[in-house]
Amino acid sequence: VKTTVYVTDMKIYGTINEVYGSYMTDPYPSREVVCVKELPLGANLEISMIAAKD
């Protein structure tokens, strides 16, 4: 299980942590946050997640 979060502004990193923590439980999946110049359609956040089902 792994999550990649793409953002255009790292100032929202704290908010990402808060929201992520409200959806995920311990043990938390692997996560990376990547700052990019821009995202499609003017978005400021994109999340990609790979998950497995038991």
PDB file of N, CA and C in Angstrom:
ATOM      1  N   VAL A   1       0.857  -1.175   0.000  1.00  0.00           N
ATOM      2  CA  VAL A   1       0.000   0.000   0.000  1.00  0.00           C
ATOM      3  C   VAL A   1       0.897   1.229   0.000  1.00  0.00           C
ATOM      4  N   LYS A   2       0.591   2.175  -0.890  1.00  0.00           N
ATOM      5  CA  LYS A   2       1.415   3.377  -1.002  1.00  0.00           C
ATOM      6  C   LYS A   2       0.565   4.532  -1.528  1.00  0.00           C
ATOM      7  N   THR A   3       0.814   5.710  -0.992  1.00  0.00           N
ATOM      8  CA  THR A   3       0.127   6.920  -1.427  1.00  0.00           C
ATOM      9  C   THR A   3       1.152   7.930  -1.910  1.00  0.00           C
ATOM     10  N   THR A   4       0.881   8.548  -3.058  1.00  0.00           N
ATOM     11  CA  THR A   4       1.689   9.654  -3.548  1.00  0.00           C
ATOM     12  C   THR A   4       0.771  10.861  -3.678  1.00  0.00           C
ATOM     13  N   VAL A   5       1.170  11.960  -3.061  1.00  0.00           N
ATOM     14  CA  VAL A   5       0.391  13.194  -3.110  1.00  0.00           C
ATOM     15  C   VAL A   5       1.217  14.225  -3.868  1.00  0.00           C
ATOM     16  N   TYR A   6       0.654  14.758  -4.942  1.00  0.00           N
ATOM     17  CA  TYR A   6       1.306  15.803  -5.724  1.00  0.00           C
ATOM     18  C   TYR A   6       0.644  17.129  -5.364  1.00  0.00           C
ATOM     19  N   VAL A   7       1.450  18.137  -5.042  1.00  0.00           N
ATOM     20  CA  VAL A   7       0.926  19.457  -4.688  1.00  0.00           C
ATOM     21  C   VAL A   7       1.685  20.529  -5.457  1.00  0.00           C
ATOM     22  N   THR A   8       1.047  21.676  -5.620  1.00  0.00           N
ATOM     23  CA  THR A   8       1.715  22.796  -6.273  1.00  0.00           C
ATOM     24  C   THR A   8       2.247  23.805  -5.258  1.00  0.00           C
ATOM     25  N   ASP A   9       1.935  23.595  -3.979  1.00  0.00           N
ATOM     26  CA  ASP A   9       2.386  24.510  -2.923  1.00  0.00           C
ATOM     27  C   ASP A   9       2.578  23.731  -1.623  1.00  0.00           C
ATOM     28  N   MET A  10       3.807  23.633  -1.147  1.00  0.00           N
ATOM     29  CA  MET A  10       4.102  22.865   0.066  1.00  0.00           C
ATOM     30  C   MET A  10       3.549  23.524   1.329  1.00  0.00           C
ATOM     31  N   LYS A  11       3.009  24.729   1.220  1.00  0.00           N
ATOM     32  CA  LYS A  11       2.413  25.385   2.386  1.00  0.00           C
ATOM     33  C   LYS A  11       1.206  24.615   2.917  1.00  0.00           C
ATOM     34  N   ILE A  12       0.620  23.742   2.099  1.00  0.00           N
ATOM     35  CA  ILE A  12      -0.546  22.976   2.551  1.00  0.00           C
ATOM     36  C   ILE A  12      -0.151  21.627   3.162  1.00  0.00           C
ATOM     37  N   TYR A  13       1.138  21.406   3.370  1.00  0.00           N
ATOM     38  CA  TYR A  13       1.622  20.125   3.905  1.00  0.00           C
ATOM     39  C   TYR A  13       0.965  19.779   5.246  1.00  0.00           C
ATOM     40  N   GLY A  14       0.827  20.743   6.132  1.00  0.00           N
ATOM     41  CA  GLY A  14       0.195  20.503   7.431  1.00  0.00           C
ATOM     42  C   GLY A  14      -1.253  20.060   7.286  1.00  0.00           C
ATOM     43  N   THR A  15      -1.969  20.691   6.379  1.00  0.00           N
ATOM     44  CA  THR A  15      -3.360  20.317   6.119  1.00  0.00           C
ATOM     45  C   THR A  15      -3.435  18.907   5.541  1.00  0.00           C
ATOM     46  N   ILE A  16      -2.506  18.579   4.654  1.00  0.00           N
ATOM     47  CA  ILE A  16      -2.458  17.222   4.092  1.00  0.00           C
ATOM     48  C   ILE A  16      -2.317  16.208   5.217  1.00  0.00           C
ATOM     49  N   ASN A  17      -1.421  16.459   6.160  1.00  0.00           N
ATOM     50  CA  ASN A  17      -1.223  15.543   7.288  1.00  0.00           C
ATOM     51  C   ASN A  17      -2.499  15.376   8.109  1.00  0.00           C
ATOM     52  N   GLU A  18      -3.195  16.466   8.373  1.00  0.00           N
ATOM     53  CA  GLU A  18      -4.434  16.404   9.158  1.00  0.00           C
ATOM     54  C   GLU A  18      -5.498  15.564   8.455  1.00  0.00           C
ATOM     55  N   VAL A  19      -5.720  15.845   7.189  1.00  0.00           N
ATOM     56  CA  VAL A  19      -6.748  15.123   6.438  1.00  0.00           C
ATOM     57  C   VAL A  19      -6.351  13.656   6.266  1.00  0.00           C
ATOM     58  N   TYR A  20      -5.107  13.406   5.933  1.00  0.00           N
ATOM     59  CA  TYR A  20      -4.611  12.035   5.752  1.00  0.00           C
ATOM     60  C   TYR A  20      -4.819  11.227   7.031  1.00  0.00           C
ATOM     61  N   GLY A  21      -4.493  11.831   8.162  1.00  0.00           N
ATOM     62  CA  GLY A  21      -4.657  11.159   9.449  1.00  0.00           C
ATOM     63  C   GLY A  21      -6.108  10.873   9.800  1.00  0.00           C
ATOM     64  N   SER A  22      -7.032  11.662   9.257  1.00  0.00           N
ATOM     65  CA  SER A  22      -8.448  11.430   9.543  1.00  0.00           C
ATOM     66  C   SER A  22      -9.023  10.276   8.714  1.00  0.00           C
ATOM     67  N   TYR A  23      -8.344   9.892   7.640  1.00  0.00           N
ATOM     68  CA  TYR A  23      -8.810   8.792   6.790  1.00  0.00           C
ATOM     69  C   TYR A  23      -8.034   7.500   7.000  1.00  0.00           C
ATOM     70  N   MET A  24      -6.771   7.595   7.369  1.00  0.00           N
ATOM     71  CA  MET A  24      -5.914   6.417   7.509  1.00  0.00           C
ATOM     72  C   MET A  24      -5.725   6.071   8.980  1.00  0.00           C
ATOM     73  N   THR A  25      -5.491   4.801   9.245  1.00  0.00           N
ATOM     74  CA  THR A  25      -5.250   4.360  10.616  1.00  0.00           C
ATOM     75  C   THR A  25      -3.884   3.697  10.717  1.00  0.00           C
ATOM     76  N   ASP A  26      -3.393   3.603  11.930  1.00  0.00           N
ATOM     77  CA  ASP A  26      -2.103   2.986  12.207  1.00  0.00           C
ATOM     78  C   ASP A  26      -2.217   1.478  11.993  1.00  0.00           C
ATOM     79  N   PRO A  27      -1.340   0.824  11.304  1.00  0.00           N
ATOM     80  CA  PRO A  27      -0.105   1.332  10.706  1.00  0.00           C
ATOM     81  C   PRO A  27      -0.402   2.073   9.393  1.00  0.00           C
ATOM     82  N   TYR A  28       0.140   3.276   9.292  1.00  0.00           N
ATOM     83  CA  TYR A  28      -0.111   4.114   8.129  1.00  0.00           C
ATOM     84  C   TYR A  28       0.607   3.564   6.896  1.00  0.00           C
ATOM     85  N   PRO A  29      -0.055   3.665   5.730  1.00  0.00           N
ATOM     86  CA  PRO A  29       0.617   3.242   4.497  1.00  0.00           C
ATOM     87  C   PRO A  29       1.796   4.156   4.177  1.00  0.00           C
ATOM     88  N   SER A  30       2.696   3.667   3.376  1.00  0.00           N
ATOM     89  CA  SER A  30       3.794   4.486   2.862  1.00  0.00           C
ATOM     90  C   SER A  30       3.216   5.709   2.176  1.00  0.00           C
ATOM     91  N   ARG A  31       3.894   6.842   2.308  1.00  0.00           N
ATOM     92  CA  ARG A  31       3.391   8.062   1.674  1.00  0.00           C
ATOM     93  C   ARG A  31       4.549   8.946   1.276  1.00  0.00           C
ATOM     94  N   GLU A  32       4.375   9.598   0.138  1.00  0.00           N
ATOM     95  CA  GLU A  32       5.314  10.631  -0.274  1.00  0.00           C
ATOM     96  C   GLU A  32       4.514  11.820  -0.771  1.00  0.00           C
ATOM     97  N   VAL A  33       5.048  13.012  -0.516  1.00  0.00           N
ATOM     98  CA  VAL A  33       4.438  14.246  -1.000  1.00  0.00           C
ATOM     99  C   VAL A  33       5.448  14.886  -1.939  1.00  0.00           C
ATOM    100  N   VAL A  34       5.011  15.162  -3.163  1.00  0.00           N
ATOM    101  CA  VAL A  34       5.892  15.693  -4.194  1.00  0.00           C
ATOM    102  C   VAL A  34       5.359  17.050  -4.639  1.00  0.00           C
ATOM    103  N   CYS A  35       6.219  18.063  -4.592  1.00  0.00           N
ATOM    104  CA  CYS A  35       5.827  19.396  -5.047  1.00  0.00           C
ATOM    105  C   CYS A  35       6.159  19.521  -6.538  1.00  0.00           C
ATOM    106  N   VAL A  36       5.161  19.917  -7.328  1.00  0.00           N
ATOM    107  CA  VAL A  36       5.321  20.061  -8.772  1.00  0.00           C
ATOM    108  C   VAL A  36       4.948  21.485  -9.188  1.00  0.00           C
ATOM    109  N   LYS A  37       5.416  21.878 -10.356  1.00  0.00           N
ATOM    110  CA  LYS A  37       5.142  23.230 -10.834  1.00  0.00           C
ATOM    111  C   LYS A  37       3.656  23.447 -11.113  1.00  0.00           C
ATOM    112  N   GLU A  38       3.021  22.475 -11.779  1.00  0.00           N
ATOM    113  CA  GLU A  38       1.589  22.582 -12.040  1.00  0.00           C
ATOM    114  C   GLU A  38       0.996  21.202 -12.259  1.00  0.00           C
ATOM    115  N   LEU A  39      -0.330  21.137 -12.130  1.00  0.00           N
ATOM    116  CA  LEU A  39      -1.079  19.901 -12.328  1.00  0.00           C
ATOM    117  C   LEU A  39      -2.137  20.129 -13.406  1.00  0.00           C
ATOM    118  N   PRO A  40      -2.639  19.056 -14.015  1.00  0.00           N
ATOM    119  CA  PRO A  40      -3.651  19.212 -15.060  1.00  0.00           C
ATOM    120  C   PRO A  40      -4.905  19.935 -14.562  1.00  0.00           C
ATOM    121  N   LEU A  41      -5.527  20.660 -15.468  1.00  0.00           N
ATOM    122  CA  LEU A  41      -6.800  21.354 -15.224  1.00  0.00           C
ATOM    123  C   LEU A  41      -6.725  22.381 -14.105  1.00  0.00           C
ATOM    124  N   GLY A  42      -5.525  22.869 -13.794  1.00  0.00           N
ATOM    125  CA  GLY A  42      -5.371  23.889 -12.768  1.00  0.00           C
ATOM    126  C   GLY A  42      -5.519  23.384 -11.346  1.00  0.00           C
ATOM    127  N   ALA A  43      -5.516  22.068 -11.157  1.00  0.00           N
ATOM    128  CA  ALA A  43      -5.640  21.496  -9.809  1.00  0.00           C
ATOM    129  C   ALA A  43      -4.428  21.879  -8.970  1.00  0.00           C
ATOM    130  N   ASN A  44      -4.602  21.932  -7.642  1.00  0.00           N
ATOM    131  CA  ASN A  44      -3.467  22.204  -6.761  1.00  0.00           C
ATOM    132  C   ASN A  44      -3.078  20.973  -5.946  1.00  0.00           C
ATOM    133  N   LEU A  45      -3.815  19.855  -6.133  1.00  0.00           N
ATOM    134  CA  LEU A  45      -3.549  18.628  -5.390  1.00  0.00           C
ATOM    135  C   LEU A  45      -3.999  17.434  -6.225  1.00  0.00           C
ATOM    136  N   GLU A  46      -3.169  16.397  -6.237  1.00  0.00           N
ATOM    137  CA  GLU A  46      -3.536  15.140  -6.898  1.00  0.00           C
ATOM    138  C   GLU A  46      -3.049  14.003  -6.014  1.00  0.00           C
ATOM    139  N   ILE A  47      -3.886  12.990  -5.831  1.00  0.00           N
ATOM    140  CA  ILE A  47      -3.532  11.855  -4.978  1.00  0.00           C
ATOM    141  C   ILE A  47      -3.585  10.581  -5.802  1.00  0.00           C
ATOM    142  N   SER A  48      -2.515   9.798  -5.704  1.00  0.00           N
ATOM    143  CA  SER A  48      -2.453   8.488  -6.337  1.00  0.00           C
ATOM    144  C   SER A  48      -2.244   7.460  -5.232  1.00  0.00           C
ATOM    145  N   MET A  49      -3.072   6.410  -5.220  1.00  0.00           N
ATOM    146  CA  MET A  49      -2.954   5.411  -4.157  1.00  0.00           C
ATOM    147  C   MET A  49      -3.012   4.012  -4.744  1.00  0.00           C
ATOM    148  N   ILE A  50      -2.145   3.149  -4.232  1.00  0.00           N
ATOM    149  CA  ILE A  50      -2.162   1.729  -4.562  1.00  0.00           C
ATOM    150  C   ILE A  50      -2.546   1.002  -3.287  1.00  0.00           C
ATOM    151  N   ALA A  51      -3.572   0.158  -3.366  1.00  0.00           N
ATOM    152  CA  ALA A  51      -4.058  -0.541  -2.175  1.00  0.00           C
ATOM    153  C   ALA A  51      -4.244  -2.025  -2.478  1.00  0.00           C
ATOM    154  N   ALA A  52      -4.275  -2.809  -1.429  1.00  0.00           N
ATOM    155  CA  ALA A  52      -4.516  -4.246  -1.544  1.00  0.00           C
ATOM    156  C   ALA A  52      -5.719  -4.612  -0.692  1.00  0.00           C
ATOM    157  N   LYS A  53      -6.471  -5.566  -1.143  1.00  0.00           N
ATOM    158  CA  LYS A  53      -7.643  -6.016  -0.399  1.00  0.00           C
ATOM    159  C   LYS A  53      -7.370  -7.407   0.157  1.00  0.00           C
ATOM    160  N   ASP A  54      -7.678  -7.590   1.442  1.00  0.00           N
ATOM    161  CA  ASP A  54      -7.499  -8.910   2.062  1.00  0.00           C
ATOM    162  C   ASP A  54      -8.557  -9.869   1.593  1.00  0.00           C
TER     163      ASP A  54
END
